[in-house]
Amino acid sequence: MPRSVNTVAARAKRKKTLKFAKGYWGRRKNVWTVAKNAIEKGWTYAYRDRRVRKREFRKLWIQRINAGAREEGLTYSQLMGKLKEAKIDLNRKVLADLAMNHPKAFKAVVQKVK
């Protein structure tokens, strides 16, 4: 009995992969093996960098809070320690937004903990 291969499914799988590679440069967009490798690598980076993005935003927020705190005569660590002592639960994202876009509100928070 001759060997039976499921050509329909195989072709569909390759078409789907090549569809994901749309917009890539050179052979990465139209050669099956190259496209498959490029897509897998891209997905690996995407998975990793979804976590890295969170780290980088936290770093940015800390820098903004530190800049705002230093204008008020405190360092970042002093400010965060005093906020904890005063039981003020504002996360870094909110504090950074206040420091950047609402300096008067940020100043009020700092005065409250001083």
PDB file of N, CA and C in Angstrom:
ATOM      1  N   MET A   1       0.839  -1.185   0.000  1.00  0.00           N
ATOM      2  CA  MET A   1       0.000   0.000   0.000  1.00  0.00           C
ATOM      3  C   MET A   1       0.884   1.248   0.000  1.00  0.00           C
ATOM      4  N   PRO A   2       0.618   2.212  -0.866  1.00  0.00           N
ATOM      5  CA  PRO A   2       1.449   3.424  -0.915  1.00  0.00           C
ATOM      6  C   PRO A   2       1.275   4.280   0.347  1.00  0.00           C
ATOM      7  N   ARG A   3       2.318   5.038   0.610  1.00  0.00           N
ATOM      8  CA  ARG A   3       2.312   5.907   1.784  1.00  0.00           C
ATOM      9  C   ARG A   3       1.345   7.058   1.554  1.00  0.00           C
ATOM     10  N   SER A   4       0.547   7.356   2.564  1.00  0.00           N
ATOM     11  CA  SER A   4      -0.414   8.450   2.457  1.00  0.00           C
ATOM     12  C   SER A   4       0.061   9.626   3.310  1.00  0.00           C
ATOM     13  N   VAL A   5       0.159  10.783   2.681  1.00  0.00           N
ATOM     14  CA  VAL A   5       0.549  11.985   3.434  1.00  0.00           C
ATOM     15  C   VAL A   5      -0.592  12.998   3.346  1.00  0.00           C
ATOM     16  N   ASN A   6      -0.781  13.710   4.396  1.00  0.00           N
ATOM     17  CA  ASN A   6      -1.884  14.665   4.442  1.00  0.00           C
ATOM     18  C   ASN A   6      -1.417  16.007   3.879  1.00  0.00           C
ATOM     19  N   THR A   7      -1.411  16.087   2.572  1.00  0.00           N
ATOM     20  CA  THR A   7      -0.912  17.277   1.890  1.00  0.00           C
ATOM     21  C   THR A   7      -1.733  18.512   2.219  1.00  0.00           C
ATOM     22  N   VAL A   8      -3.027  18.356   2.352  1.00  0.00           N
ATOM     23  CA  VAL A   8      -3.910  19.502   2.616  1.00  0.00           C
ATOM     24  C   VAL A   8      -3.519  20.174   3.932  1.00  0.00           C
ATOM     25  N   ALA A   9      -3.353  19.369   4.969  1.00  0.00           N
ATOM     26  CA  ALA A   9      -3.003  19.921   6.283  1.00  0.00           C
ATOM     27  C   ALA A   9      -1.601  20.519   6.265  1.00  0.00           C
ATOM     28  N   ALA A  10      -0.668  19.846   5.599  1.00  0.00           N
ATOM     29  CA  ALA A  10       0.715  20.329   5.547  1.00  0.00           C
ATOM     30  C   ALA A  10       0.788  21.675   4.841  1.00  0.00           C
ATOM     31  N   ARG A  11       0.083  21.791   3.712  1.00  0.00           N
ATOM     32  CA  ARG A  11       0.091  23.046   2.967  1.00  0.00           C
ATOM     33  C   ARG A  11      -0.557  24.160   3.790  1.00  0.00           C
ATOM     34  N   ALA A  12      -1.646  23.833   4.479  1.00  0.00           N
ATOM     35  CA  ALA A  12      -2.336  24.825   5.300  1.00  0.00           C
ATOM     36  C   ALA A  12      -1.416  25.334   6.412  1.00  0.00           C
ATOM     37  N   LYS A  13      -0.657  24.428   6.999  1.00  0.00           N
ATOM     38  CA  LYS A  13       0.264  24.802   8.077  1.00  0.00           C
ATOM     39  C   LYS A  13       1.351  25.746   7.547  1.00  0.00           C
ATOM     40  N   ARG A  14       1.889  25.416   6.369  1.00  0.00           N
ATOM     41  CA  ARG A  14       2.929  26.270   5.776  1.00  0.00           C
ATOM     42  C   ARG A  14       2.365  27.633   5.389  1.00  0.00           C
ATOM     43  N   LYS A  15       1.152  27.645   4.824  1.00  0.00           N
ATOM     44  CA  LYS A  15       0.530  28.921   4.446  1.00  0.00           C
ATOM     45  C   LYS A  15       0.314  29.812   5.660  1.00  0.00           C
ATOM     46  N   LYS A  16      -0.108  29.188   6.749  1.00  0.00           N
ATOM     47  CA  LYS A  16      -0.353  29.931   7.986  1.00  0.00           C
ATOM     48  C   LYS A  16       0.951  30.555   8.499  1.00  0.00           C
ATOM     49  N   THR A  17       2.024  29.765   8.448  1.00  0.00           N
ATOM     50  CA  THR A  17       3.329  30.265   8.898  1.00  0.00           C
ATOM     51  C   THR A  17       3.796  31.415   8.013  1.00  0.00           C
ATOM     52  N   LEU A  18       3.660  31.249   6.695  1.00  0.00           N
ATOM     53  CA  LEU A  18       4.096  32.302   5.774  1.00  0.00           C
ATOM     54  C   LEU A  18       3.244  33.562   5.936  1.00  0.00           C
ATOM     55  N   LYS A  19       1.993  33.390   6.343  1.00  0.00           N
ATOM     56  CA  LYS A  19       1.139  34.549   6.594  1.00  0.00           C
ATOM     57  C   LYS A  19       1.682  35.361   7.770  1.00  0.00           C
ATOM     58  N   PHE A  20       2.194  34.670   8.806  1.00  0.00           N
ATOM     59  CA  PHE A  20       2.785  35.352   9.955  1.00  0.00           C
ATOM     60  C   PHE A  20       4.057  36.094   9.567  1.00  0.00           C
ATOM     61  N   ALA A  21       4.746  35.607   8.511  1.00  0.00           N
ATOM     62  CA  ALA A  21       6.017  36.200   8.097  1.00  0.00           C
ATOM     63  C   ALA A  21       5.824  37.376   7.150  1.00  0.00           C
ATOM     64  N   LYS A  22       4.579  37.747   6.880  1.00  0.00           N
ATOM     65  CA  LYS A  22       4.297  38.844   5.961  1.00  0.00           C
ATOM     66  C   LYS A  22       4.953  40.122   6.477  1.00  0.00           C
ATOM     67  N   GLY A  23       5.661  40.814   5.601  1.00  0.00           N
ATOM     68  CA  GLY A  23       6.312  42.048   5.995  1.00  0.00           C
ATOM     69  C   GLY A  23       7.781  41.860   6.359  1.00  0.00           C
ATOM     70  N   TYR A  24       8.236  40.617   6.461  1.00  0.00           N
ATOM     71  CA  TYR A  24       9.643  40.378   6.742  1.00  0.00           C
ATOM     72  C   TYR A  24      10.443  40.670   5.481  1.00  0.00           C
ATOM     73  N   TRP A  25      11.757  40.813   5.640  1.00  0.00           N
ATOM     74  CA  TRP A  25      12.617  41.209   4.536  1.00  0.00           C
ATOM     75  C   TRP A  25      13.311  39.982   3.934  1.00  0.00           C
ATOM     76  N   GLY A  26      13.478  40.003   2.616  1.00  0.00           N
ATOM     77  CA  GLY A  26      14.242  38.961   1.925  1.00  0.00           C
ATOM     78  C   GLY A  26      13.559  37.607   1.976  1.00  0.00           C
ATOM     79  N   ARG A  27      14.363  36.551   2.120  1.00  0.00           N
ATOM     80  CA  ARG A  27      13.824  35.200   2.092  1.00  0.00           C
ATOM     81  C   ARG A  27      12.971  34.875   3.313  1.00  0.00           C
ATOM     82  N   ARG A  28      13.081  35.696   4.348  1.00  0.00           N
ATOM     83  CA  ARG A  28      12.324  35.428   5.578  1.00  0.00           C
ATOM     84  C   ARG A  28      10.819  35.457   5.319  1.00  0.00           C
ATOM     85  N   LYS A  29      10.400  36.115   4.258  1.00  0.00           N
ATOM     86  CA  LYS A  29       8.955  36.229   4.015  1.00  0.00           C
ATOM     87  C   LYS A  29       8.389  35.148   3.098  1.00  0.00           C
ATOM     88  N   ASN A  30       9.241  34.470   2.317  1.00  0.00           N
ATOM     89  CA  ASN A  30       8.657  33.543   1.349  1.00  0.00           C
ATOM     90  C   ASN A  30       9.311  32.163   1.261  1.00  0.00           C
ATOM     91  N   VAL A  31      10.365  31.913   2.020  1.00  0.00           N
ATOM     92  CA  VAL A  31      10.966  30.586   2.039  1.00  0.00           C
ATOM     93  C   VAL A  31      10.559  29.925   3.355  1.00  0.00           C
ATOM     94  N   TRP A  32       9.894  28.793   3.240  1.00  0.00           N
ATOM     95  CA  TRP A  32       9.261  28.151   4.391  1.00  0.00           C
ATOM     96  C   TRP A  32      10.192  27.968   5.578  1.00  0.00           C
ATOM     97  N   THR A  33      11.384  27.356   5.370  1.00  0.00           N
ATOM     98  CA  THR A  33      12.250  27.055   6.517  1.00  0.00           C
ATOM     99  C   THR A  33      12.792  28.334   7.149  1.00  0.00           C
ATOM    100  N   VAL A  34      13.163  29.300   6.320  1.00  0.00           N
ATOM    101  CA  VAL A  34      13.712  30.560   6.839  1.00  0.00           C
ATOM    102  C   VAL A  34      12.619  31.326   7.584  1.00  0.00           C
ATOM    103  N   ALA A  35      11.429  31.361   7.003  1.00  0.00           N
ATOM    104  CA  ALA A  35      10.308  32.063   7.629  1.00  0.00           C
ATOM    105  C   ALA A  35       9.950  31.426   8.966  1.00  0.00           C
ATOM    106  N   LYS A  36       9.936  30.109   9.001  1.00  0.00           N
ATOM    107  CA  LYS A  36       9.589  29.392  10.237  1.00  0.00           C
ATOM    108  C   LYS A  36      10.565  29.756  11.347  1.00  0.00           C
ATOM    109  N   ASN A  37      11.854  29.770  11.024  1.00  0.00           N
ATOM    110  CA  ASN A  37      12.874  30.116  12.021  1.00  0.00           C
ATOM    111  C   ASN A  37      12.725  31.561  12.480  1.00  0.00           C
ATOM    112  N   ALA A  38      12.473  32.463  11.533  1.00  0.00           N
ATOM    113  CA  ALA A  38      12.341  33.882  11.865  1.00  0.00           C
ATOM    114  C   ALA A  38      11.137  34.124  12.772  1.00  0.00           C
ATOM    115  N   ILE A  39      10.044  33.451  12.481  1.00  0.00           N
ATOM    116  CA  ILE A  39       8.825  33.621  13.278  1.00  0.00           C
ATOM    117  C   ILE A  39       9.021  33.068  14.689  1.00  0.00           C
ATOM    118  N   GLU A  40       9.624  31.901  14.786  1.00  0.00           N
ATOM    119  CA  GLU A  40       9.852  31.307  16.112  1.00  0.00           C
ATOM    120  C   GLU A  40      10.747  32.200  16.953  1.00  0.00           C
ATOM    121  N   LYS A  41      11.776  32.757  16.329  1.00  0.00           N
ATOM    122  CA  LYS A  41      12.675  33.655  17.063  1.00  0.00           C
ATOM    123  C   LYS A  41      11.934  34.917  17.478  1.00  0.00           C
ATOM    124  N   GLY A  42      11.111  35.434  16.572  1.00  0.00           N
ATOM    125  CA  GLY A  42      10.328  36.627  16.882  1.00  0.00           C
ATOM    126  C   GLY A  42       9.385  36.393  18.050  1.00  0.00           C
ATOM    127  N   TRP A  43       8.756  35.249  18.082  1.00  0.00           N
ATOM    128  CA  TRP A  43       7.838  34.921  19.180  1.00  0.00           C
ATOM    129  C   TRP A  43       8.592  34.768  20.497  1.00  0.00           C
ATOM    130  N   THR A  44       9.820  34.247  20.415  1.00  0.00           N
ATOM    131  CA  THR A  44      10.643  34.127  21.619  1.00  0.00           C
ATOM    132  C   THR A  44      10.946  35.509  22.184  1.00  0.00           C
ATOM    133  N   TYR A  45      11.339  36.429  21.296  1.00  0.00           N
ATOM    134  CA  TYR A  45      11.631  37.798  21.737  1.00  0.00           C
ATOM    135  C   TYR A  45      10.367  38.457  22.296  1.00  0.00           C
ATOM    136  N   ALA A  46       9.236  38.239  21.650  1.00  0.00           N
ATOM    137  CA  ALA A  46       7.985  38.853  22.091  1.00  0.00           C
ATOM    138  C   ALA A  46       7.619  38.377  23.493  1.00  0.00           C
ATOM    139  N   TYR A  47       7.777  37.085  23.730  1.00  0.00           N
ATOM    140  CA  TYR A  47       7.470  36.515  25.047  1.00  0.00           C
ATOM    141  C   TYR A  47       8.386  37.120  26.104  1.00  0.00           C
ATOM    142  N   ARG A  48       9.673  37.147  25.798  1.00  0.00           N
ATOM    143  CA  ARG A  48      10.652  37.684  26.746  1.00  0.00           C
ATOM    144  C   ARG A  48      10.404  39.168  27.012  1.00  0.00           C
ATOM    145  N   ASP A  49      10.167  39.921  25.945  1.00  0.00           N
ATOM    146  CA  ASP A  49      10.095  41.370  26.083  1.00  0.00           C
ATOM    147  C   ASP A  49       8.779  41.865  26.665  1.00  0.00           C
ATOM    148  N   ARG A  50       7.770  41.001  26.722  1.00  0.00           N
ATOM    149  CA  ARG A  50       6.561  41.398  27.467  1.00  0.00           C
ATOM    150  C   ARG A  50       6.900  41.555  28.935  1.00  0.00           C
ATOM    151  N   ARG A  51       7.857  40.782  29.426  1.00  0.00           N
ATOM    152  CA  ARG A  51       8.305  40.898  30.807  1.00  0.00           C
ATOM    153  C   ARG A  51       9.299  42.045  30.970  1.00  0.00           C
ATOM    154  N   VAL A  52      10.187  42.199  29.989  1.00  0.00           N
ATOM    155  CA  VAL A  52      11.198  43.264  30.044  1.00  0.00           C
ATOM    156  C   VAL A  52      10.522  44.637  30.045  1.00  0.00           C
ATOM    157  N   ARG A  53       9.434  44.777  29.290  1.00  0.00           N
ATOM    158  CA  ARG A  53       8.720  46.053  29.223  1.00  0.00           C
ATOM    159  C   ARG A  53       8.274  46.510  30.606  1.00  0.00           C
ATOM    160  N   LYS A  54       7.817  45.563  31.427  1.00  0.00           N
ATOM    161  CA  LYS A  54       7.370  45.878  32.789  1.00  0.00           C
ATOM    162  C   LYS A  54       8.533  46.410  33.621  1.00  0.00           C
ATOM    163  N   ARG A  55       9.713  45.778  33.466  1.00  0.00           N
ATOM    164  CA  ARG A  55      10.907  46.231  34.200  1.00  0.00           C
ATOM    165  C   ARG A  55      11.293  47.639  33.787  1.00  0.00           C
ATOM    166  N   GLU A  56      11.244  47.895  32.480  1.00  0.00           N
ATOM    167  CA  GLU A  56      11.700  49.188  31.984  1.00  0.00           C
ATOM    168  C   GLU A  56      10.759  50.313  32.402  1.00  0.00           C
ATOM    169  N   PHE A  57       9.463  50.022  32.429  1.00  0.00           N
ATOM    170  CA  PHE A  57       8.530  51.046  32.895  1.00  0.00           C
ATOM    171  C   PHE A  57       8.770  51.350  34.362  1.00  0.00           C
ATOM    172  N   ARG A  58       9.020  50.320  35.171  1.00  0.00           N
ATOM    173  CA  ARG A  58       9.291  50.538  36.592  1.00  0.00           C
ATOM    174  C   ARG A  58      10.530  51.413  36.762  1.00  0.00           C
ATOM    175  N   LYS A  59      11.587  51.147  35.977  1.00  0.00           N
ATOM    176  CA  LYS A  59      12.802  51.963  36.035  1.00  0.00           C
ATOM    177  C   LYS A  59      12.501  53.423  35.700  1.00  0.00           C
ATOM    178  N   LEU A  60      11.682  53.627  34.666  1.00  0.00           N
ATOM    179  CA  LEU A  60      11.322  54.976  34.248  1.00  0.00           C
ATOM    180  C   LEU A  60      10.547  55.698  35.346  1.00  0.00           C
ATOM    181  N   TRP A  61       9.587  55.000  35.969  1.00  0.00           N
ATOM    182  CA  TRP A  61       8.800  55.608  37.044  1.00  0.00           C
ATOM    183  C   TRP A  61       9.699  56.010  38.198  1.00  0.00           C
ATOM    184  N   ILE A  62      10.643  55.152  38.558  1.00  0.00           N
ATOM    185  CA  ILE A  62      11.550  55.443  39.667  1.00  0.00           C
ATOM    186  C   ILE A  62      12.389  56.675  39.355  1.00  0.00           C
ATOM    187  N   GLN A  63      12.865  56.798  38.127  1.00  0.00           N
ATOM    188  CA  GLN A  63      13.661  57.974  37.743  1.00  0.00           C
ATOM    189  C   GLN A  63      12.841  59.248  37.852  1.00  0.00           C
ATOM    190  N   ARG A  64      11.583  59.192  37.421  1.00  0.00           N
ATOM    191  CA  ARG A  64      10.727  60.378  37.483  1.00  0.00           C
ATOM    192  C   ARG A  64      10.398  60.765  38.922  1.00  0.00           C
ATOM    193  N   ILE A  65      10.134  59.765  39.752  1.00  0.00           N
ATOM    194  CA  ILE A  65       9.842  60.040  41.169  1.00  0.00           C
ATOM    195  C   ILE A  65      11.078  60.632  41.830  1.00  0.00           C
ATOM    196  N   ASN A  66      12.239  60.083  41.534  1.00  0.00           N
ATOM    197  CA  ASN A  66      13.494  60.563  42.110  1.00  0.00           C
ATOM    198  C   ASN A  66      13.731  62.024  41.728  1.00  0.00           C
ATOM    199  N   ALA A  67      13.499  62.357  40.460  1.00  0.00           N
ATOM    200  CA  ALA A  67      13.693  63.741  40.002  1.00  0.00           C
ATOM    201  C   ALA A  67      12.747  64.682  40.746  1.00  0.00           C
ATOM    202  N   GLY A  68      11.482  64.255  40.878  1.00  0.00           N
ATOM    203  CA  GLY A  68      10.511  65.084  41.596  1.00  0.00           C
ATOM    204  C   GLY A  68      10.852  65.209  43.065  1.00  0.00           C
ATOM    205  N   ALA A  69      11.308  64.122  43.679  1.00  0.00           N
ATOM    206  CA  ALA A  69      11.650  64.134  45.107  1.00  0.00           C
ATOM    207  C   ALA A  69      12.852  65.035  45.368  1.00  0.00           C
ATOM    208  N   ARG A  70      13.830  65.007  44.491  1.00  0.00           N
ATOM    209  CA  ARG A  70      15.032  65.831  44.679  1.00  0.00           C
ATOM    210  C   ARG A  70      14.713  67.316  44.583  1.00  0.00           C
ATOM    211  N   GLU A  71      13.718  67.670  43.793  1.00  0.00           N
ATOM    212  CA  GLU A  71      13.295  69.079  43.744  1.00  0.00           C
ATOM    213  C   GLU A  71      12.712  69.509  45.092  1.00  0.00           C
ATOM    214  N   GLU A  72      12.184  68.537  45.831  1.00  0.00           N
ATOM    215  CA  GLU A  72      11.593  68.825  47.142  1.00  0.00           C
ATOM    216  C   GLU A  72      12.587  68.579  48.282  1.00  0.00           C
ATOM    217  N   GLY A  73      13.843  68.264  47.947  1.00  0.00           N
ATOM    218  CA  GLY A  73      14.876  68.102  48.960  1.00  0.00           C
ATOM    219  C   GLY A  73      14.964  66.713  49.578  1.00  0.00           C
ATOM    220  N   LEU A  74      14.408  65.710  48.907  1.00  0.00           N
ATOM    221  CA  LEU A  74      14.491  64.326  49.369  1.00  0.00           C
ATOM    222  C   LEU A  74      15.094  63.468  48.269  1.00  0.00           C
ATOM    223  N   THR A  75      15.578  62.288  48.664  1.00  0.00           N
ATOM    224  CA  THR A  75      15.974  61.319  47.644  1.00  0.00           C
ATOM    225  C   THR A  75      14.799  60.367  47.438  1.00  0.00           C
ATOM    226  N   TYR A  76      14.912  59.533  46.426  1.00  0.00           N
ATOM    227  CA  TYR A  76      13.856  58.563  46.125  1.00  0.00           C
ATOM    228  C   TYR A  76      13.634  57.629  47.307  1.00  0.00           C
ATOM    229  N   SER A  77      14.734  57.093  47.855  1.00  0.00           N
ATOM    230  CA  SER A  77      14.592  56.103  48.927  1.00  0.00           C
ATOM    231  C   SER A  77      14.016  56.735  50.191  1.00  0.00           C
ATOM    232  N   GLN A  78      14.417  57.976  50.485  1.00  0.00           N
ATOM    233  CA  GLN A  78      13.849  58.663  51.653  1.00  0.00           C
ATOM    234  C   GLN A  78      12.348  58.866  51.474  1.00  0.00           C
ATOM    235  N   LEU A  79      11.957  59.309  50.288  1.00  0.00           N
ATOM    236  CA  LEU A  79      10.545  59.551  50.004  1.00  0.00           C
ATOM    237  C   LEU A  79       9.733  58.266  50.140  1.00  0.00           C
ATOM    238  N   MET A  80      10.223  57.180  49.555  1.00  0.00           N
ATOM    239  CA  MET A  80       9.480  55.919  49.605  1.00  0.00           C
ATOM    240  C   MET A  80       9.393  55.403  51.051  1.00  0.00           C
ATOM    241  N   GLY A  81      10.458  55.580  51.828  1.00  0.00           N
ATOM    242  CA  GLY A  81      10.437  55.170  53.226  1.00  0.00           C
ATOM    243  C   GLY A  81       9.412  55.963  54.028  1.00  0.00           C
ATOM    244  N   LYS A  82       9.376  57.271  53.793  1.00  0.00           N
ATOM    245  CA  LYS A  82       8.423  58.129  54.517  1.00  0.00           C
ATOM    246  C   LYS A  82       6.983  57.861  54.091  1.00  0.00           C
ATOM    247  N   LEU A  83       6.792  57.535  52.811  1.00  0.00           N
ATOM    248  CA  LEU A  83       5.441  57.177  52.346  1.00  0.00           C
ATOM    249  C   LEU A  83       4.960  55.919  53.049  1.00  0.00           C
ATOM    250  N   LYS A  84       5.873  54.942  53.213  1.00  0.00           N
ATOM    251  CA  LYS A  84       5.521  53.700  53.917  1.00  0.00           C
ATOM    252  C   LYS A  84       5.160  53.991  55.375  1.00  0.00           C
ATOM    253  N   GLU A  85       6.004  54.820  56.024  1.00  0.00           N
ATOM    254  CA  GLU A  85       5.765  55.187  57.426  1.00  0.00           C
ATOM    255  C   GLU A  85       4.403  55.846  57.598  1.00  0.00           C
ATOM    256  N   ALA A  86       4.076  56.759  56.672  1.00  0.00           N
ATOM    257  CA  ALA A  86       2.820  57.515  56.752  1.00  0.00           C
ATOM    258  C   ALA A  86       1.632  56.688  56.267  1.00  0.00           C
ATOM    259  N   LYS A  87       1.900  55.449  55.850  1.00  0.00           N
ATOM    260  CA  LYS A  87       0.867  54.534  55.338  1.00  0.00           C
ATOM    261  C   LYS A  87       0.095  55.146  54.159  1.00  0.00           C
ATOM    262  N   ILE A  88       0.843  55.790  53.266  1.00  0.00           N
ATOM    263  CA  ILE A  88       0.260  56.327  52.035  1.00  0.00           C
ATOM    264  C   ILE A  88       0.534  55.305  50.939  1.00  0.00           C
ATOM    265  N   ASP A  89      -0.515  54.682  50.441  1.00  0.00           N
ATOM    266  CA  ASP A  89      -0.369  53.626  49.434  1.00  0.00           C
ATOM    267  C   ASP A  89      -0.591  54.175  48.034  1.00  0.00           C
ATOM    268  N   LEU A  90       0.449  54.780  47.492  1.00  0.00           N
ATOM    269  CA  LEU A  90       0.430  55.208  46.093  1.00  0.00           C
ATOM    270  C   LEU A  90       1.500  54.409  45.374  1.00  0.00           C
ATOM    271  N   ASN A  91       1.115  53.787  44.271  1.00  0.00           N
ATOM    272  CA  ASN A  91       2.123  52.998  43.563  1.00  0.00           C
ATOM    273  C   ASN A  91       3.033  53.906  42.738  1.00  0.00           C
ATOM    274  N   ARG A  92       4.103  53.330  42.221  1.00  0.00           N
ATOM    275  CA  ARG A  92       5.113  54.114  41.516  1.00  0.00           C
ATOM    276  C   ARG A  92       4.562  54.743  40.236  1.00  0.00           C
ATOM    277  N   LYS A  93       3.642  54.042  39.588  1.00  0.00           N
ATOM    278  CA  LYS A  93       3.063  54.565  38.347  1.00  0.00           C
ATOM    279  C   LYS A  93       2.327  55.867  38.628  1.00  0.00           C
ATOM    280  N   VAL A  94       1.530  55.887  39.689  1.00  0.00           N
ATOM    281  CA  VAL A  94       0.758  57.075  40.038  1.00  0.00           C
ATOM    282  C   VAL A  94       1.677  58.193  40.509  1.00  0.00           C
ATOM    283  N   LEU A  95       2.657  57.852  41.355  1.00  0.00           N
ATOM    284  CA  LEU A  95       3.599  58.863  41.844  1.00  0.00           C
ATOM    285  C   LEU A  95       4.379  59.502  40.693  1.00  0.00           C
ATOM    286  N   ALA A  96       4.797  58.676  39.741  1.00  0.00           N
ATOM    287  CA  ALA A  96       5.542  59.196  38.592  1.00  0.00           C
ATOM    288  C   ALA A  96       4.668  60.131  37.765  1.00  0.00           C
ATOM    289  N   ASP A  97       3.392  59.773  37.606  1.00  0.00           N
ATOM    290  CA  ASP A  97       2.472  60.629  36.853  1.00  0.00           C
ATOM    291  C   ASP A  97       2.283  61.960  37.571  1.00  0.00           C
ATOM    292  N   LEU A  98       2.137  61.903  38.890  1.00  0.00           N
ATOM    293  CA  LEU A  98       2.000  63.142  39.667  1.00  0.00           C
ATOM    294  C   LEU A  98       3.252  64.005  39.531  1.00  0.00           C
ATOM    295  N   ALA A  99       4.416  63.388  39.670  1.00  0.00           N
ATOM    296  CA  ALA A  99       5.675  64.132  39.596  1.00  0.00           C
ATOM    297  C   ALA A  99       5.854  64.783  38.233  1.00  0.00           C
ATOM    298  N   MET A 100       5.405  64.097  37.198  1.00  0.00           N
ATOM    299  CA  MET A 100       5.617  64.582  35.829  1.00  0.00           C
ATOM    300  C   MET A 100       4.552  65.596  35.405  1.00  0.00           C
ATOM    301  N   ASN A 101       3.287  65.256  35.621  1.00  0.00           N
ATOM    302  CA  ASN A 101       2.201  66.055  35.045  1.00  0.00           C
ATOM    303  C   ASN A 101       1.458  66.942  36.037  1.00  0.00           C
ATOM    304  N   HIS A 102       1.580  66.642  37.334  1.00  0.00           N
ATOM    305  CA  HIS A 102       0.865  67.417  38.354  1.00  0.00           C
ATOM    306  C   HIS A 102       1.817  67.740  39.502  1.00  0.00           C
ATOM    307  N   PRO A 103       2.792  68.643  39.269  1.00  0.00           N
ATOM    308  CA  PRO A 103       3.815  68.899  40.284  1.00  0.00           C
ATOM    309  C   PRO A 103       3.243  69.435  41.599  1.00  0.00           C
ATOM    310  N   LYS A 104       2.148  70.192  41.538  1.00  0.00           N
ATOM    311  CA  LYS A 104       1.559  70.725  42.774  1.00  0.00           C
ATOM    312  C   LYS A 104       1.017  69.593  43.637  1.00  0.00           C
ATOM    313  N   ALA A 105       0.352  68.629  43.013  1.00  0.00           N
ATOM    314  CA  ALA A 105      -0.181  67.481  43.749  1.00  0.00           C
ATOM    315  C   ALA A 105       0.962  66.647  44.330  1.00  0.00           C
ATOM    316  N   PHE A 106       2.024  66.487  43.550  1.00  0.00           N
ATOM    317  CA  PHE A 106       3.185  65.725  44.037  1.00  0.00           C
ATOM    318  C   PHE A 106       3.811  66.439  45.225  1.00  0.00           C
ATOM    319  N   LYS A 107       3.910  67.762  45.126  1.00  0.00           N
ATOM    320  CA  LYS A 107       4.477  68.566  46.223  1.00  0.00           C
ATOM    321  C   LYS A 107       3.624  68.400  47.486  1.00  0.00           C
ATOM    322  N   ALA A 108       2.304  68.361  47.322  1.00  0.00           N
ATOM    323  CA  ALA A 108       1.408  68.182  48.465  1.00  0.00           C
ATOM    324  C   ALA A 108       1.643  66.826  49.131  1.00  0.00           C
ATOM    325  N   VAL A 109       1.848  65.791  48.328  1.00  0.00           N
ATOM    326  CA  VAL A 109       2.117  64.453  48.878  1.00  0.00           C
ATOM    327  C   VAL A 109       3.426  64.472  49.658  1.00  0.00           C
ATOM    328  N   VAL A 110       4.454  65.126  49.090  1.00  0.00           N
ATOM    329  CA  VAL A 110       5.760  65.188  49.749  1.00  0.00           C
ATOM    330  C   VAL A 110       5.653  65.974  51.060  1.00  0.00           C
ATOM    331  N   GLN A 111       4.928  67.110  51.045  1.00  0.00           N
ATOM    332  CA  GLN A 111       4.760  67.920  52.261  1.00  0.00           C
ATOM    333  C   GLN A 111       4.047  67.123  53.350  1.00  0.00           C
ATOM    334  N   LYS A 112       3.116  66.277  52.947  1.00  0.00           N
ATOM    335  CA  LYS A 112       2.354  65.468  53.917  1.00  0.00           C
ATOM    336  C   LYS A 112       3.276  64.490  54.651  1.00  0.00           C
ATOM    337  N   VAL A 113       4.267  63.941  53.952  1.00  0.00           N
ATOM    338  CA  VAL A 113       5.144  62.954  54.580  1.00  0.00           C
ATOM    339  C   VAL A 113       6.369  63.586  55.267  1.00  0.00           C
ATOM    340  N   LYS A 114       6.683  64.817  54.972  1.00  0.00           N
ATOM    341  CA  LYS A 114       7.886  65.446  55.556  1.00  0.00           C
ATOM    342  C   LYS A 114       7.793  65.655  57.042  1.00  0.00           C
TER     343      LYS A 114
END
